[in-house]
């Protein structure tokens, strides 16, 4: 019985890739950075138009994903 309790090898995560905190926080941070770059570029009006949407999606995604377990 004690042998089962004292195992040193961790179990592999059972969550899929998109439900893990680390990778999804990275994607959300990249989206926020991309939104800022789109906001500050002066050349294409289309990029400037969608920069706020990109910033909001990245921010909401970061807030939601930060609640996920490690």
PDB file of N, CA and C in Angstrom:
ATOM      1  N   UNK A   1       0.822  -1.194   0.000  1.00  0.00           N
ATOM      2  CA  UNK A   1       0.000   0.000   0.000  1.00  0.00           C
ATOM      3  C   UNK A   1       0.866   1.258   0.000  1.00  0.00           C
ATOM      4  N   UNK A   2       1.927   1.289   0.813  1.00  0.00           N
ATOM      5  CA  UNK A   2       2.765   2.479   0.863  1.00  0.00           C
ATOM      6  C   UNK A   2       3.542   2.658  -0.435  1.00  0.00           C
ATOM      7  N   UNK A   3       3.792   1.592  -1.164  1.00  0.00           N
ATOM      8  CA  UNK A   3       4.490   1.710  -2.436  1.00  0.00           C
ATOM      9  C   UNK A   3       3.645   2.499  -3.439  1.00  0.00           C
ATOM     10  N   UNK A   4       2.361   2.348  -3.395  1.00  0.00           N
ATOM     11  CA  UNK A   4       1.494   3.091  -4.293  1.00  0.00           C
ATOM     12  C   UNK A   4       1.441   4.574  -3.946  1.00  0.00           C
ATOM     13  N   UNK A   5       1.576   4.886  -2.687  1.00  0.00           N
ATOM     14  CA  UNK A   5       1.514   6.280  -2.251  1.00  0.00           C
ATOM     15  C   UNK A   5       2.812   7.017  -2.565  1.00  0.00           C
ATOM     16  N   UNK A   6       3.950   6.345  -2.498  1.00  0.00           N
ATOM     17  CA  UNK A   6       5.253   6.981  -2.623  1.00  0.00           C
ATOM     18  C   UNK A   6       5.823   6.908  -4.036  1.00  0.00           C
ATOM     19  N   UNK A   7       5.034   6.945  -5.031  1.00  0.00           N
ATOM     20  CA  UNK A   7       5.563   6.937  -6.393  1.00  0.00           C
ATOM     21  C   UNK A   7       6.167   8.293  -6.713  1.00  0.00           C
ATOM     22  N   UNK A   8       7.328   8.272  -7.367  1.00  0.00           N
ATOM     23  CA  UNK A   8       8.023   9.522  -7.659  1.00  0.00           C
ATOM     24  C   UNK A   8       7.759  10.020  -9.077  1.00  0.00           C
ATOM     25  N   UNK A   9       7.209   9.211  -9.936  1.00  0.00           N
ATOM     26  CA  UNK A   9       6.938   9.666 -11.299  1.00  0.00           C
ATOM     27  C   UNK A   9       5.574  10.350 -11.354  1.00  0.00           C
ATOM     28  N   UNK A  10       5.550  11.562 -11.822  1.00  0.00           N
ATOM     29  CA  UNK A  10       4.260  12.266 -11.902  1.00  0.00           C
ATOM     30  C   UNK A  10       3.413  11.699 -13.040  1.00  0.00           C
ATOM     31  N   UNK A  11       2.142  11.769 -12.858  1.00  0.00           N
ATOM     32  CA  UNK A  11       1.218  11.307 -13.890  1.00  0.00           C
ATOM     33  C   UNK A  11       1.173  12.327 -15.024  1.00  0.00           C
ATOM     34  N   UNK A  12       1.078  11.872 -16.261  1.00  0.00           N
ATOM     35  CA  UNK A  12       0.983  12.830 -17.363  1.00  0.00           C
ATOM     36  C   UNK A  12      -0.325  13.608 -17.287  1.00  0.00           C
ATOM     37  N   UNK A  13      -0.300  14.868 -17.710  1.00  0.00           N
ATOM     38  CA  UNK A  13      -1.525  15.666 -17.629  1.00  0.00           C
ATOM     39  C   UNK A  13      -2.618  15.082 -18.524  1.00  0.00           C
ATOM     40  N   UNK A  14      -3.831  15.103 -18.035  1.00  0.00           N
ATOM     41  CA  UNK A  14      -4.947  14.554 -18.783  1.00  0.00           C
ATOM     42  C   UNK A  14      -5.712  15.628 -19.534  1.00  0.00           C
ATOM     43  N   UNK A  15      -5.307  16.875 -19.380  1.00  0.00           N
ATOM     44  CA  UNK A  15      -5.975  17.955 -20.092  1.00  0.00           C
ATOM     45  C   UNK A  15      -5.364  18.114 -21.479  1.00  0.00           C
ATOM     46  N   UNK A  16      -6.172  18.450 -22.457  1.00  0.00           N
ATOM     47  CA  UNK A  16      -5.602  18.713 -23.784  1.00  0.00           C
ATOM     48  C   UNK A  16      -4.794  20.003 -23.790  1.00  0.00           C
ATOM     49  N   UNK A  17      -4.095  20.224 -24.873  1.00  0.00           N
ATOM     50  CA  UNK A  17      -3.186  21.368 -24.987  1.00  0.00           C
ATOM     51  C   UNK A  17      -3.888  22.692 -24.754  1.00  0.00           C
ATOM     52  N   UNK A  18      -5.081  22.854 -25.289  1.00  0.00           N
ATOM     53  CA  UNK A  18      -5.751  24.152 -25.215  1.00  0.00           C
ATOM     54  C   UNK A  18      -6.370  24.430 -23.854  1.00  0.00           C
ATOM     55  N   UNK A  19      -6.301  23.492 -22.911  1.00  0.00           N
ATOM     56  CA  UNK A  19      -6.808  23.732 -21.563  1.00  0.00           C
ATOM     57  C   UNK A  19      -5.690  23.853 -20.530  1.00  0.00           C
ATOM     58  N   UNK A  20      -4.470  24.035 -20.968  1.00  0.00           N
ATOM     59  CA  UNK A  20      -3.355  24.236 -20.045  1.00  0.00           C
ATOM     60  C   UNK A  20      -3.031  25.721 -19.965  1.00  0.00           C
ATOM     61  N   UNK A  21      -2.611  26.147 -18.794  1.00  0.00           N
ATOM     62  CA  UNK A  21      -2.408  27.578 -18.568  1.00  0.00           C
ATOM     63  C   UNK A  21      -1.218  28.142 -19.329  1.00  0.00           C
ATOM     64  N   UNK A  22      -0.086  27.480 -19.279  1.00  0.00           N
ATOM     65  CA  UNK A  22       1.143  28.027 -19.854  1.00  0.00           C
ATOM     66  C   UNK A  22       1.050  28.373 -21.327  1.00  0.00           C
ATOM     67  N   UNK A  23       0.708  27.429 -22.179  1.00  0.00           N
ATOM     68  CA  UNK A  23       0.650  27.757 -23.610  1.00  0.00           C
ATOM     69  C   UNK A  23      -0.430  28.781 -23.946  1.00  0.00           C
ATOM     70  N   UNK A  24      -1.558  28.713 -23.280  1.00  0.00           N
ATOM     71  CA  UNK A  24      -2.641  29.638 -23.606  1.00  0.00           C
ATOM     72  C   UNK A  24      -2.341  31.052 -23.119  1.00  0.00           C
ATOM     73  N   UNK A  25      -1.624  31.195 -22.004  1.00  0.00           N
ATOM     74  CA  UNK A  25      -1.217  32.527 -21.567  1.00  0.00           C
ATOM     75  C   UNK A  25      -0.244  33.136 -22.563  1.00  0.00           C
ATOM     76  N   UNK A  26       0.620  32.300 -23.133  1.00  0.00           N
ATOM     77  CA  UNK A  26       1.557  32.790 -24.137  1.00  0.00           C
ATOM     78  C   UNK A  26       0.814  33.281 -25.374  1.00  0.00           C
ATOM     79  N   UNK A  27      -0.176  32.524 -25.817  1.00  0.00           N
ATOM     80  CA  UNK A  27      -0.955  32.926 -26.988  1.00  0.00           C
ATOM     81  C   UNK A  27      -1.714  34.221 -26.704  1.00  0.00           C
ATOM     82  N   UNK A  28      -2.291  34.342 -25.509  1.00  0.00           N
ATOM     83  CA  UNK A  28      -3.016  35.563 -25.153  1.00  0.00           C
ATOM     84  C   UNK A  28      -2.084  36.770 -25.098  1.00  0.00           C
ATOM     85  N   UNK A  29      -0.880  36.576 -24.583  1.00  0.00           N
ATOM     86  CA  UNK A  29       0.087  37.671 -24.520  1.00  0.00           C
ATOM     87  C   UNK A  29       0.518  38.103 -25.918  1.00  0.00           C
ATOM     88  N   UNK A  30       0.697  37.139 -26.810  1.00  0.00           N
ATOM     89  CA  UNK A  30       1.050  37.463 -28.194  1.00  0.00           C
ATOM     90  C   UNK A  30      -0.089  38.234 -28.863  1.00  0.00           C
ATOM     91  N   UNK A  31      -1.324  37.846 -28.602  1.00  0.00           N
ATOM     92  CA  UNK A  31      -2.462  38.583 -29.167  1.00  0.00           C
ATOM     93  C   UNK A  31      -2.507  40.027 -28.669  1.00  0.00           C
ATOM     94  N   UNK A  32      -2.234  40.230 -27.387  1.00  0.00           N
ATOM     95  CA  UNK A  32      -2.212  41.590 -26.839  1.00  0.00           C
ATOM     96  C   UNK A  32      -1.100  42.412 -27.500  1.00  0.00           C
ATOM     97  N   UNK A  33       0.075  41.819 -27.635  1.00  0.00           N
ATOM     98  CA  UNK A  33       1.181  42.514 -28.297  1.00  0.00           C
ATOM     99  C   UNK A  33       0.887  42.819 -29.753  1.00  0.00           C
ATOM    100  N   UNK A  34       0.251  41.869 -30.435  1.00  0.00           N
ATOM    101  CA  UNK A  34      -0.127  42.089 -31.827  1.00  0.00           C
ATOM    102  C   UNK A  34      -1.150  43.218 -31.945  1.00  0.00           C
ATOM    103  N   UNK A  35      -2.074  43.294 -30.989  1.00  0.00           N
ATOM    104  CA  UNK A  35      -3.043  44.387 -30.984  1.00  0.00           C
ATOM    105  C   UNK A  35      -2.385  45.742 -30.822  1.00  0.00           C
ATOM    106  N   UNK A  36      -1.376  45.811 -29.953  1.00  0.00           N
ATOM    107  CA  UNK A  36      -0.657  47.082 -29.786  1.00  0.00           C
ATOM    108  C   UNK A  36       0.102  47.456 -31.052  1.00  0.00           C
ATOM    109  N   UNK A  37       0.739  46.472 -31.679  1.00  0.00           N
ATOM    110  CA  UNK A  37       1.453  46.769 -32.921  1.00  0.00           C
ATOM    111  C   UNK A  37       0.489  47.236 -34.005  1.00  0.00           C
ATOM    112  N   UNK A  38      -0.670  46.627 -34.064  1.00  0.00           N
ATOM    113  CA  UNK A  38      -1.670  47.043 -35.048  1.00  0.00           C
ATOM    114  C   UNK A  38      -2.186  48.445 -34.746  1.00  0.00           C
ATOM    115  N   UNK A  39      -2.271  48.783 -33.475  1.00  0.00           N
ATOM    116  CA  UNK A  39      -2.775  50.096 -33.084  1.00  0.00           C
ATOM    117  C   UNK A  39      -1.801  51.219 -33.443  1.00  0.00           C
ATOM    118  N   UNK A  40      -0.501  50.958 -33.321  1.00  0.00           N
ATOM    119  CA  UNK A  40       0.486  52.015 -33.495  1.00  0.00           C
ATOM    120  C   UNK A  40       1.064  52.111 -34.898  1.00  0.00           C
ATOM    121  N   UNK A  41       0.635  51.268 -35.812  1.00  0.00           N
ATOM    122  CA  UNK A  41       1.162  51.386 -37.177  1.00  0.00           C
ATOM    123  C   UNK A  41       0.309  52.407 -37.948  1.00  0.00           C
ATOM    124  N   UNK A  42       0.945  53.246 -38.737  1.00  0.00           N
ATOM    125  CA  UNK A  42       0.192  54.317 -39.416  1.00  0.00           C
ATOM    126  C   UNK A  42      -0.168  54.024 -40.873  1.00  0.00           C
ATOM    127  N   UNK A  43       0.078  52.809 -41.380  1.00  0.00           N
ATOM    128  CA  UNK A  43      -0.014  52.593 -42.816  1.00  0.00           C
ATOM    129  C   UNK A  43      -1.347  52.017 -43.284  1.00  0.00           C
ATOM    130  N   UNK A  44      -1.850  50.999 -42.629  1.00  0.00           N
ATOM    131  CA  UNK A  44      -3.064  50.331 -43.095  1.00  0.00           C
ATOM    132  C   UNK A  44      -4.220  50.603 -42.141  1.00  0.00           C
ATOM    133  N   UNK A  45      -5.285  51.146 -42.682  1.00  0.00           N
ATOM    134  CA  UNK A  45      -6.455  51.471 -41.874  1.00  0.00           C
ATOM    135  C   UNK A  45      -7.162  50.205 -41.390  1.00  0.00           C
ATOM    136  N   UNK A  46      -7.082  49.124 -42.153  1.00  0.00           N
ATOM    137  CA  UNK A  46      -7.727  47.860 -41.762  1.00  0.00           C
ATOM    138  C   UNK A  46      -7.099  47.316 -40.481  1.00  0.00           C
ATOM    139  N   UNK A  47      -5.776  47.349 -40.400  1.00  0.00           N
ATOM    140  CA  UNK A  47      -5.109  46.872 -39.184  1.00  0.00           C
ATOM    141  C   UNK A  47      -5.458  47.756 -37.994  1.00  0.00           C
ATOM    142  N   UNK A  48      -5.489  49.049 -38.215  1.00  0.00           N
ATOM    143  CA  UNK A  48      -5.849  49.967 -37.137  1.00  0.00           C
ATOM    144  C   UNK A  48      -7.280  49.731 -36.672  1.00  0.00           C
ATOM    145  N   UNK A  49      -8.175  49.418 -37.610  1.00  0.00           N
ATOM    146  CA  UNK A  49      -9.586  49.211 -37.280  1.00  0.00           C
ATOM    147  C   UNK A  49      -9.771  47.992 -36.386  1.00  0.00           C
ATOM    148  N   UNK A  50      -9.063  46.912 -36.682  1.00  0.00           N
ATOM    149  CA  UNK A  50      -9.235  45.677 -35.919  1.00  0.00           C
ATOM    150  C   UNK A  50      -8.292  45.550 -34.725  1.00  0.00           C
ATOM    151  N   UNK A  51      -7.513  46.573 -34.446  1.00  0.00           N
ATOM    152  CA  UNK A  51      -6.574  46.491 -33.324  1.00  0.00           C
ATOM    153  C   UNK A  51      -7.294  46.434 -31.978  1.00  0.00           C
ATOM    154  N   UNK A  52      -8.384  47.180 -31.829  1.00  0.00           N
ATOM    155  CA  UNK A  52      -9.124  47.158 -30.567  1.00  0.00           C
ATOM    156  C   UNK A  52      -9.754  45.790 -30.329  1.00  0.00           C
ATOM    157  N   UNK A  53     -10.282  45.188 -31.387  1.00  0.00           N
ATOM    158  CA  UNK A  53     -10.870  43.851 -31.262  1.00  0.00           C
ATOM    159  C   UNK A  53      -9.806  42.849 -30.844  1.00  0.00           C
ATOM    160  N   UNK A  54      -8.626  42.928 -31.448  1.00  0.00           N
ATOM    161  CA  UNK A  54      -7.530  42.020 -31.109  1.00  0.00           C
ATOM    162  C   UNK A  54      -7.086  42.220 -29.666  1.00  0.00           C
ATOM    163  N   UNK A  55      -6.985  43.465 -29.224  1.00  0.00           N
ATOM    164  CA  UNK A  55      -6.622  43.749 -27.834  1.00  0.00           C
ATOM    165  C   UNK A  55      -7.661  43.190 -26.864  1.00  0.00           C
ATOM    166  N   UNK A  56      -8.923  43.381 -27.159  1.00  0.00           N
ATOM    167  CA  UNK A  56      -9.973  42.888 -26.268  1.00  0.00           C
ATOM    168  C   UNK A  56     -10.005  41.364 -26.210  1.00  0.00           C
ATOM    169  N   UNK A  57      -9.851  40.705 -27.350  1.00  0.00           N
ATOM    170  CA  UNK A  57      -9.834  39.237 -27.357  1.00  0.00           C
ATOM    171  C   UNK A  57      -8.650  38.721 -26.555  1.00  0.00           C
ATOM    172  N   UNK A  58      -7.473  39.308 -26.738  1.00  0.00           N
ATOM    173  CA  UNK A  58      -6.296  38.881 -25.984  1.00  0.00           C
ATOM    174  C   UNK A  58      -6.449  39.115 -24.492  1.00  0.00           C
ATOM    175  N   UNK A  59      -7.028  40.241 -24.113  1.00  0.00           N
ATOM    176  CA  UNK A  59      -7.203  40.549 -22.689  1.00  0.00           C
ATOM    177  C   UNK A  59      -8.218  39.627 -22.030  1.00  0.00           C
ATOM    178  N   UNK A  60      -9.351  39.422 -22.675  1.00  0.00           N
ATOM    179  CA  UNK A  60     -10.371  38.525 -22.120  1.00  0.00           C
ATOM    180  C   UNK A  60      -9.843  37.101 -22.064  1.00  0.00           C
ATOM    181  N   UNK A  61      -9.122  36.691 -23.099  1.00  0.00           N
ATOM    182  CA  UNK A  61      -8.542  35.348 -23.113  1.00  0.00           C
ATOM    183  C   UNK A  61      -7.544  35.182 -21.964  1.00  0.00           C
ATOM    184  N   UNK A  62      -6.722  36.213 -21.711  1.00  0.00           N
ATOM    185  CA  UNK A  62      -5.741  36.123 -20.625  1.00  0.00           C
ATOM    186  C   UNK A  62      -6.451  36.034 -19.269  1.00  0.00           C
ATOM    187  N   UNK A  63      -7.514  36.782 -19.088  1.00  0.00           N
ATOM    188  CA  UNK A  63      -8.252  36.738 -17.820  1.00  0.00           C
ATOM    189  C   UNK A  63      -8.861  35.363 -17.600  1.00  0.00           C
ATOM    190  N   UNK A  64      -9.446  34.787 -18.632  1.00  0.00           N
ATOM    191  CA  UNK A  64     -10.059  33.472 -18.504  1.00  0.00           C
ATOM    192  C   UNK A  64      -9.009  32.379 -18.300  1.00  0.00           C
ATOM    193  N   UNK A  65      -7.939  32.427 -19.081  1.00  0.00           N
ATOM    194  CA  UNK A  65      -6.932  31.374 -19.031  1.00  0.00           C
ATOM    195  C   UNK A  65      -6.143  31.416 -17.718  1.00  0.00           C
ATOM    196  N   UNK A  66      -6.013  32.572 -17.110  1.00  0.00           N
ATOM    197  CA  UNK A  66      -5.263  32.645 -15.856  1.00  0.00           C
ATOM    198  C   UNK A  66      -5.965  31.912 -14.718  1.00  0.00           C
ATOM    199  N   UNK A  67      -7.224  31.557 -14.916  1.00  0.00           N
ATOM    200  CA  UNK A  67      -7.945  30.774 -13.916  1.00  0.00           C
ATOM    201  C   UNK A  67      -7.762  29.269 -14.094  1.00  0.00           C
ATOM    202  N   UNK A  68      -7.184  28.833 -15.224  1.00  0.00           N
ATOM    203  CA  UNK A  68      -6.968  27.418 -15.482  1.00  0.00           C
ATOM    204  C   UNK A  68      -5.930  26.850 -14.521  1.00  0.00           C
ATOM    205  N   UNK A  69      -6.013  25.569 -14.201  1.00  0.00           N
ATOM    206  CA  UNK A  69      -4.973  24.954 -13.361  1.00  0.00           C
ATOM    207  C   UNK A  69      -3.674  24.770 -14.160  1.00  0.00           C
ATOM    208  N   UNK A  70      -2.566  24.672 -13.447  1.00  0.00           N
ATOM    209  CA  UNK A  70      -1.276  24.461 -14.101  1.00  0.00           C
ATOM    210  C   UNK A  70      -1.344  23.181 -14.797  1.00  0.00           C
TER     211      UNK A  70
END
